[in-house]
Amino acid sequence: MTRGRERTEGDVGVDLDGDVGSGSLLAIAIIGATIASLALCVPLLVGIGIRESVATAADAAALAGADVAAGIYPGSPCAVAASVATANHARIAGCSVDGLVVTVRASADFLGLHLASEATAGPPVVVTN
């Protein structure tokens, strides 16, 4: 017994009876590839966002430390910088004070990766001729 119509001697057509369901398989493969791509890209994009957050924390911490170094607020520049970085979900990896200039290195971990950023703040440099 044959499926479909019987072939005749002059038939040149292609027998497509064996291709039943191949469109569904192709659709499942495309959906799987899309999900796999998203599974790889989403953590990368989240990591980029966290890296920017660490950079923002380093900037804010350096600015706060510079304000303390300039005498605007009381305290130790590096201690204030550490508290500002902690409030921004980062930790201080290093802090140095050179006069009124404060340099802060902030960091955070994401999926086993160490994300770090450095920022420097202080009074503007005045150039005279």
N, C-alpha and C. Protein backbone atom coordinates (compact mmCIF):
# COMPACT_ATOMS: atom_id res chain seq x y z
N MET A 1 0.84 -1.17 0.00
CA MET A 1 0.00 0.00 0.00
C MET A 1 0.88 1.24 0.00
N THR A 2 0.55 2.23 -0.78
CA THR A 2 1.33 3.46 -0.87
C THR A 2 0.53 4.62 -0.30
N ARG A 3 1.25 5.59 0.20
CA ARG A 3 0.59 6.79 0.70
C ARG A 3 0.50 7.79 -0.43
N GLY A 4 -0.51 8.61 -0.43
CA GLY A 4 -0.66 9.63 -1.47
C GLY A 4 -1.09 9.00 -2.78
N ARG A 5 -0.80 9.68 -3.84
CA ARG A 5 -1.21 9.16 -5.13
C ARG A 5 -0.13 8.25 -5.68
N GLU A 6 -0.51 7.41 -6.55
CA GLU A 6 0.44 6.48 -7.16
C GLU A 6 1.27 7.20 -8.21
N ARG A 7 2.50 6.79 -8.34
CA ARG A 7 3.38 7.37 -9.35
C ARG A 7 3.11 6.70 -10.69
N THR A 8 3.20 7.51 -11.67
CA THR A 8 3.07 6.97 -13.03
C THR A 8 4.41 7.10 -13.72
N GLU A 9 4.52 6.54 -14.89
CA GLU A 9 5.80 6.49 -15.59
C GLU A 9 6.30 7.88 -15.95
N GLY A 10 5.47 8.81 -16.29
CA GLY A 10 5.89 10.15 -16.70
C GLY A 10 6.07 11.12 -15.55
N ASP A 11 5.86 10.72 -14.31
CA ASP A 11 5.98 11.61 -13.15
C ASP A 11 7.42 12.05 -12.94
N VAL A 12 7.63 13.35 -12.82
CA VAL A 12 8.96 13.87 -12.55
C VAL A 12 8.97 14.55 -11.18
N GLY A 13 7.86 14.60 -10.51
CA GLY A 13 7.73 15.31 -9.24
C GLY A 13 8.57 14.69 -8.13
N VAL A 14 8.68 15.42 -7.05
CA VAL A 14 9.45 14.97 -5.90
C VAL A 14 8.49 14.39 -4.90
N ASP A 15 8.89 13.30 -4.29
CA ASP A 15 8.06 12.65 -3.29
C ASP A 15 8.29 13.34 -1.94
N LEU A 16 7.29 14.05 -1.46
CA LEU A 16 7.42 14.80 -0.21
C LEU A 16 6.78 14.09 0.96
N ASP A 17 6.37 12.86 0.79
CA ASP A 17 5.70 12.16 1.87
C ASP A 17 6.61 11.96 3.08
N GLY A 18 7.91 11.88 2.91
CA GLY A 18 8.83 11.67 4.03
C GLY A 18 9.15 12.95 4.78
N ASP A 19 8.66 14.09 4.32
CA ASP A 19 8.96 15.38 4.94
C ASP A 19 7.87 15.85 5.89
N VAL A 20 6.98 14.99 6.25
CA VAL A 20 5.89 15.39 7.13
C VAL A 20 6.46 15.72 8.51
N GLY A 21 6.17 16.93 9.03
CA GLY A 21 6.62 17.34 10.36
C GLY A 21 7.98 18.02 10.36
N SER A 22 8.64 18.16 9.23
CA SER A 22 9.97 18.78 9.21
C SER A 22 9.89 20.28 9.51
N GLY A 23 8.78 20.94 9.21
CA GLY A 23 8.60 22.36 9.53
C GLY A 23 8.55 22.57 11.03
N SER A 24 7.91 21.66 11.73
CA SER A 24 7.85 21.75 13.20
C SER A 24 9.23 21.59 13.80
N LEU A 25 10.01 20.66 13.26
CA LEU A 25 11.36 20.44 13.75
C LEU A 25 12.23 21.67 13.51
N LEU A 26 12.07 22.29 12.35
CA LEU A 26 12.82 23.51 12.05
C LEU A 26 12.43 24.64 13.00
N ALA A 27 11.15 24.78 13.28
CA ALA A 27 10.68 25.82 14.21
C ALA A 27 11.24 25.59 15.60
N ILE A 28 11.28 24.35 16.05
CA ILE A 28 11.83 24.03 17.38
C ILE A 28 13.33 24.35 17.41
N ALA A 29 14.04 24.05 16.32
CA ALA A 29 15.47 24.35 16.25
C ALA A 29 15.73 25.85 16.30
N ILE A 30 14.91 26.64 15.60
CA ILE A 30 15.07 28.10 15.61
C ILE A 30 14.78 28.66 17.00
N ILE A 31 13.73 28.17 17.64
CA ILE A 31 13.40 28.63 18.99
C ILE A 31 14.52 28.26 19.97
N GLY A 32 15.07 27.06 19.83
CA GLY A 32 16.17 26.64 20.70
C GLY A 32 17.41 27.50 20.51
N ALA A 33 17.72 27.83 19.26
CA ALA A 33 18.88 28.68 18.99
C ALA A 33 18.67 30.09 19.55
N THR A 34 17.45 30.59 19.48
CA THR A 34 17.14 31.91 20.03
C THR A 34 17.30 31.92 21.55
N ILE A 35 16.79 30.89 22.19
CA ILE A 35 16.91 30.80 23.65
C ILE A 35 18.37 30.67 24.06
N ALA A 36 19.15 29.88 23.32
CA ALA A 36 20.57 29.73 23.64
C ALA A 36 21.31 31.06 23.47
N SER A 37 20.98 31.82 22.44
CA SER A 37 21.60 33.13 22.24
C SER A 37 21.27 34.08 23.38
N LEU A 38 20.03 34.08 23.81
CA LEU A 38 19.62 34.94 24.93
C LEU A 38 20.31 34.52 26.22
N ALA A 39 20.45 33.21 26.41
CA ALA A 39 21.10 32.71 27.63
C ALA A 39 22.56 33.16 27.69
N LEU A 40 23.18 33.37 26.55
CA LEU A 40 24.56 33.85 26.53
C LEU A 40 24.65 35.36 26.61
N CYS A 41 23.71 36.07 26.02
CA CYS A 41 23.78 37.54 25.95
C CYS A 41 23.30 38.24 27.21
N VAL A 42 22.30 37.72 27.87
CA VAL A 42 21.74 38.40 29.05
C VAL A 42 22.77 38.57 30.16
N PRO A 43 23.54 37.53 30.54
CA PRO A 43 24.56 37.76 31.58
C PRO A 43 25.61 38.78 31.16
N LEU A 44 25.96 38.80 29.89
CA LEU A 44 26.92 39.78 29.40
C LEU A 44 26.39 41.19 29.58
N LEU A 45 25.15 41.41 29.21
CA LEU A 45 24.55 42.74 29.35
C LEU A 45 24.40 43.14 30.82
N VAL A 46 24.05 42.20 31.67
CA VAL A 46 23.95 42.49 33.11
C VAL A 46 25.33 42.85 33.66
N GLY A 47 26.36 42.14 33.22
CA GLY A 47 27.73 42.44 33.65
C GLY A 47 28.16 43.83 33.24
N ILE A 48 27.79 44.25 32.03
CA ILE A 48 28.12 45.61 31.58
C ILE A 48 27.42 46.64 32.46
N GLY A 49 26.18 46.37 32.82
CA GLY A 49 25.45 47.28 33.72
C GLY A 49 26.08 47.37 35.09
N ILE A 50 26.53 46.24 35.62
CA ILE A 50 27.19 46.24 36.93
C ILE A 50 28.52 46.98 36.86
N ARG A 51 29.23 46.81 35.75
CA ARG A 51 30.51 47.52 35.58
C ARG A 51 30.28 49.03 35.59
N GLU A 52 29.23 49.49 34.95
CA GLU A 52 28.91 50.92 34.96
C GLU A 52 28.50 51.38 36.35
N SER A 53 27.83 50.52 37.09
CA SER A 53 27.44 50.84 38.46
C SER A 53 28.68 50.99 39.35
N VAL A 54 29.67 50.13 39.14
CA VAL A 54 30.92 50.23 39.90
C VAL A 54 31.65 51.52 39.54
N ALA A 55 31.63 51.90 38.26
CA ALA A 55 32.27 53.16 37.85
C ALA A 55 31.58 54.36 38.50
N THR A 56 30.27 54.30 38.58
CA THR A 56 29.51 55.38 39.23
C THR A 56 29.83 55.43 40.72
N ALA A 57 29.94 54.27 41.34
CA ALA A 57 30.28 54.23 42.77
C ALA A 57 31.68 54.80 43.02
N ALA A 58 32.63 54.50 42.13
CA ALA A 58 33.98 55.03 42.28
C ALA A 58 33.97 56.56 42.12
N ASP A 59 33.22 57.05 41.14
CA ASP A 59 33.12 58.51 40.96
C ASP A 59 32.54 59.19 42.18
N ALA A 60 31.44 58.66 42.68
CA ALA A 60 30.79 59.26 43.85
C ALA A 60 31.69 59.20 45.08
N ALA A 61 32.38 58.08 45.25
CA ALA A 61 33.27 57.94 46.40
C ALA A 61 34.44 58.91 46.31
N ALA A 62 35.00 59.09 45.12
CA ALA A 62 36.11 60.02 44.96
C ALA A 62 35.66 61.46 45.21
N LEU A 63 34.48 61.81 44.73
CA LEU A 63 33.96 63.16 44.97
C LEU A 63 33.71 63.41 46.45
N ALA A 64 33.15 62.43 47.13
CA ALA A 64 32.90 62.58 48.57
C ALA A 64 34.22 62.69 49.33
N GLY A 65 35.20 61.87 48.95
CA GLY A 65 36.51 61.95 49.60
C GLY A 65 37.18 63.29 49.35
N ALA A 66 37.05 63.83 48.15
CA ALA A 66 37.64 65.13 47.84
C ALA A 66 36.97 66.24 48.64
N ASP A 67 35.66 66.12 48.86
CA ASP A 67 34.97 67.12 49.69
C ASP A 67 35.50 67.09 51.12
N VAL A 68 35.76 65.92 51.63
CA VAL A 68 36.32 65.80 52.98
C VAL A 68 37.75 66.33 53.00
N ALA A 69 38.54 66.00 51.98
CA ALA A 69 39.93 66.48 51.93
C ALA A 69 39.99 68.00 51.84
N ALA A 70 39.00 68.60 51.18
CA ALA A 70 38.96 70.06 51.07
C ALA A 70 38.44 70.74 52.33
N GLY A 71 37.94 69.95 53.27
CA GLY A 71 37.44 70.51 54.53
C GLY A 71 35.98 70.90 54.49
N ILE A 72 35.27 70.52 53.45
CA ILE A 72 33.84 70.85 53.36
C ILE A 72 33.04 70.02 54.36
N TYR A 73 33.45 68.75 54.53
CA TYR A 73 32.80 67.85 55.50
C TYR A 73 33.87 67.27 56.40
N PRO A 74 33.51 66.94 57.65
CA PRO A 74 34.51 66.39 58.57
C PRO A 74 34.72 64.89 58.30
N GLY A 75 35.87 64.41 58.76
CA GLY A 75 36.15 62.99 58.68
C GLY A 75 37.40 62.68 57.89
N SER A 76 37.60 61.38 57.67
CA SER A 76 38.74 60.91 56.89
C SER A 76 38.29 60.69 55.44
N PRO A 77 39.02 61.22 54.46
CA PRO A 77 38.58 61.08 53.06
C PRO A 77 38.35 59.64 52.63
N CYS A 78 39.25 58.72 53.00
CA CYS A 78 39.10 57.33 52.56
C CYS A 78 37.96 56.62 53.31
N ALA A 79 37.72 56.99 54.56
CA ALA A 79 36.61 56.38 55.30
C ALA A 79 35.27 56.82 54.70
N VAL A 80 35.17 58.10 54.37
CA VAL A 80 33.94 58.60 53.75
C VAL A 80 33.76 57.99 52.36
N ALA A 81 34.86 57.88 51.61
CA ALA A 81 34.80 57.26 50.29
C ALA A 81 34.34 55.80 50.40
N ALA A 82 34.82 55.08 51.39
CA ALA A 82 34.41 53.68 51.58
C ALA A 82 32.93 53.57 51.91
N SER A 83 32.42 54.49 52.74
CA SER A 83 30.99 54.42 53.09
C SER A 83 30.11 54.77 51.88
N VAL A 84 30.56 55.71 51.05
CA VAL A 84 29.79 56.06 49.84
C VAL A 84 29.81 54.91 48.84
N ALA A 85 30.95 54.27 48.68
CA ALA A 85 31.04 53.13 47.77
C ALA A 85 30.17 51.97 48.25
N THR A 86 30.17 51.73 49.55
CA THR A 86 29.34 50.65 50.11
C THR A 86 27.86 50.96 49.90
N ALA A 87 27.48 52.22 50.03
CA ALA A 87 26.09 52.60 49.79
C ALA A 87 25.69 52.39 48.34
N ASN A 88 26.68 52.38 47.43
CA ASN A 88 26.43 52.16 46.01
C ASN A 88 26.74 50.72 45.59
N HIS A 89 26.75 49.80 46.55
CA HIS A 89 26.92 48.36 46.31
C HIS A 89 28.26 48.01 45.66
N ALA A 90 29.32 48.69 46.10
CA ALA A 90 30.67 48.38 45.66
C ALA A 90 31.56 48.39 46.90
N ARG A 91 32.77 47.95 46.74
CA ARG A 91 33.72 48.01 47.85
C ARG A 91 34.98 48.73 47.38
N ILE A 92 35.67 49.34 48.33
CA ILE A 92 36.89 50.07 48.02
C ILE A 92 38.06 49.09 47.92
N ALA A 93 38.72 49.10 46.78
CA ALA A 93 39.90 48.25 46.59
C ALA A 93 41.17 49.05 46.86
N GLY A 94 41.05 50.36 46.86
CA GLY A 94 42.20 51.21 47.13
C GLY A 94 41.77 52.66 47.23
N CYS A 95 42.51 53.42 48.05
CA CYS A 95 42.20 54.84 48.22
C CYS A 95 43.50 55.56 48.53
N SER A 96 43.73 56.65 47.82
CA SER A 96 44.92 57.45 48.12
C SER A 96 44.55 58.93 48.11
N VAL A 97 45.21 59.65 49.02
CA VAL A 97 44.97 61.08 49.14
C VAL A 97 46.29 61.80 48.90
N ASP A 98 46.27 62.74 47.96
CA ASP A 98 47.45 63.54 47.65
C ASP A 98 47.03 65.00 47.73
N GLY A 99 47.17 65.57 48.91
CA GLY A 99 46.71 66.94 49.13
C GLY A 99 45.19 66.97 49.10
N LEU A 100 44.63 67.69 48.13
CA LEU A 100 43.18 67.76 47.99
C LEU A 100 42.64 66.79 46.94
N VAL A 101 43.52 66.01 46.32
CA VAL A 101 43.13 65.07 45.27
C VAL A 101 42.98 63.67 45.88
N VAL A 102 41.82 63.08 45.65
CA VAL A 102 41.53 61.73 46.18
C VAL A 102 41.31 60.79 44.99
N THR A 103 42.01 59.66 45.00
CA THR A 103 41.86 58.62 43.99
C THR A 103 41.30 57.37 44.65
N VAL A 104 40.21 56.88 44.10
CA VAL A 104 39.51 55.73 44.67
C VAL A 104 39.42 54.63 43.62
N ARG A 105 39.68 53.41 44.03
CA ARG A 105 39.49 52.23 43.17
C ARG A 105 38.39 51.40 43.81
N ALA A 106 37.26 51.27 43.10
CA ALA A 106 36.11 50.49 43.59
C ALA A 106 36.00 49.21 42.79
N SER A 107 35.41 48.18 43.40
CA SER A 107 35.28 46.90 42.70
C SER A 107 34.02 46.16 43.17
N ALA A 108 33.64 45.17 42.37
CA ALA A 108 32.53 44.28 42.70
C ALA A 108 32.76 42.99 41.92
N ASP A 109 32.14 41.91 42.35
CA ASP A 109 32.25 40.62 41.68
C ASP A 109 30.92 40.26 41.05
N PHE A 110 30.99 39.65 39.85
CA PHE A 110 29.79 39.21 39.14
C PHE A 110 30.13 37.94 38.39
N LEU A 111 29.46 36.86 38.73
CA LEU A 111 29.66 35.55 38.09
C LEU A 111 31.13 35.15 38.07
N GLY A 112 31.82 35.41 39.16
CA GLY A 112 33.22 35.05 39.26
C GLY A 112 34.18 36.02 38.60
N LEU A 113 33.66 37.08 38.01
CA LEU A 113 34.51 38.08 37.38
C LEU A 113 34.70 39.26 38.32
N HIS A 114 35.89 39.80 38.33
CA HIS A 114 36.21 40.96 39.17
C HIS A 114 36.05 42.21 38.31
N LEU A 115 35.10 43.05 38.65
CA LEU A 115 34.84 44.29 37.91
C LEU A 115 35.36 45.46 38.75
N ALA A 116 36.20 46.28 38.18
CA ALA A 116 36.81 47.37 38.94
C ALA A 116 36.82 48.66 38.12
N SER A 117 36.88 49.77 38.85
CA SER A 117 36.96 51.08 38.22
C SER A 117 37.72 52.02 39.14
N GLU A 118 38.39 52.99 38.54
CA GLU A 118 39.15 53.96 39.32
C GLU A 118 38.69 55.36 38.96
N ALA A 119 38.60 56.21 39.98
CA ALA A 119 38.18 57.59 39.77
C ALA A 119 39.04 58.52 40.62
N THR A 120 39.27 59.70 40.11
CA THR A 120 40.05 60.71 40.82
C THR A 120 39.23 62.00 40.86
N ALA A 121 39.24 62.64 42.01
CA ALA A 121 38.51 63.91 42.16
C ALA A 121 39.34 64.86 43.00
N GLY A 122 39.16 66.11 42.72
CA GLY A 122 39.88 67.15 43.45
C GLY A 122 39.57 68.50 42.82
N PRO A 123 40.25 69.52 43.28
CA PRO A 123 40.01 70.84 42.72
C PRO A 123 40.52 70.90 41.29
N PRO A 124 39.98 71.81 40.49
CA PRO A 124 40.47 71.93 39.11
C PRO A 124 41.89 72.45 39.07
N VAL A 125 42.61 72.03 38.07
CA VAL A 125 43.98 72.48 37.89
C VAL A 125 43.94 73.87 37.25
N VAL A 126 44.63 74.79 37.86
CA VAL A 126 44.69 76.15 37.34
C VAL A 126 46.00 76.34 36.61
N VAL A 127 45.93 76.68 35.36
CA VAL A 127 47.12 76.91 34.56
C VAL A 127 47.27 78.40 34.32
N THR A 128 48.42 78.94 34.68
CA THR A 128 48.66 80.37 34.44
C THR A 128 49.84 80.50 33.48
N ASN A 129 49.76 81.47 32.64
CA ASN A 129 50.85 81.71 31.67
C ASN A 129 51.78 82.77 32.12
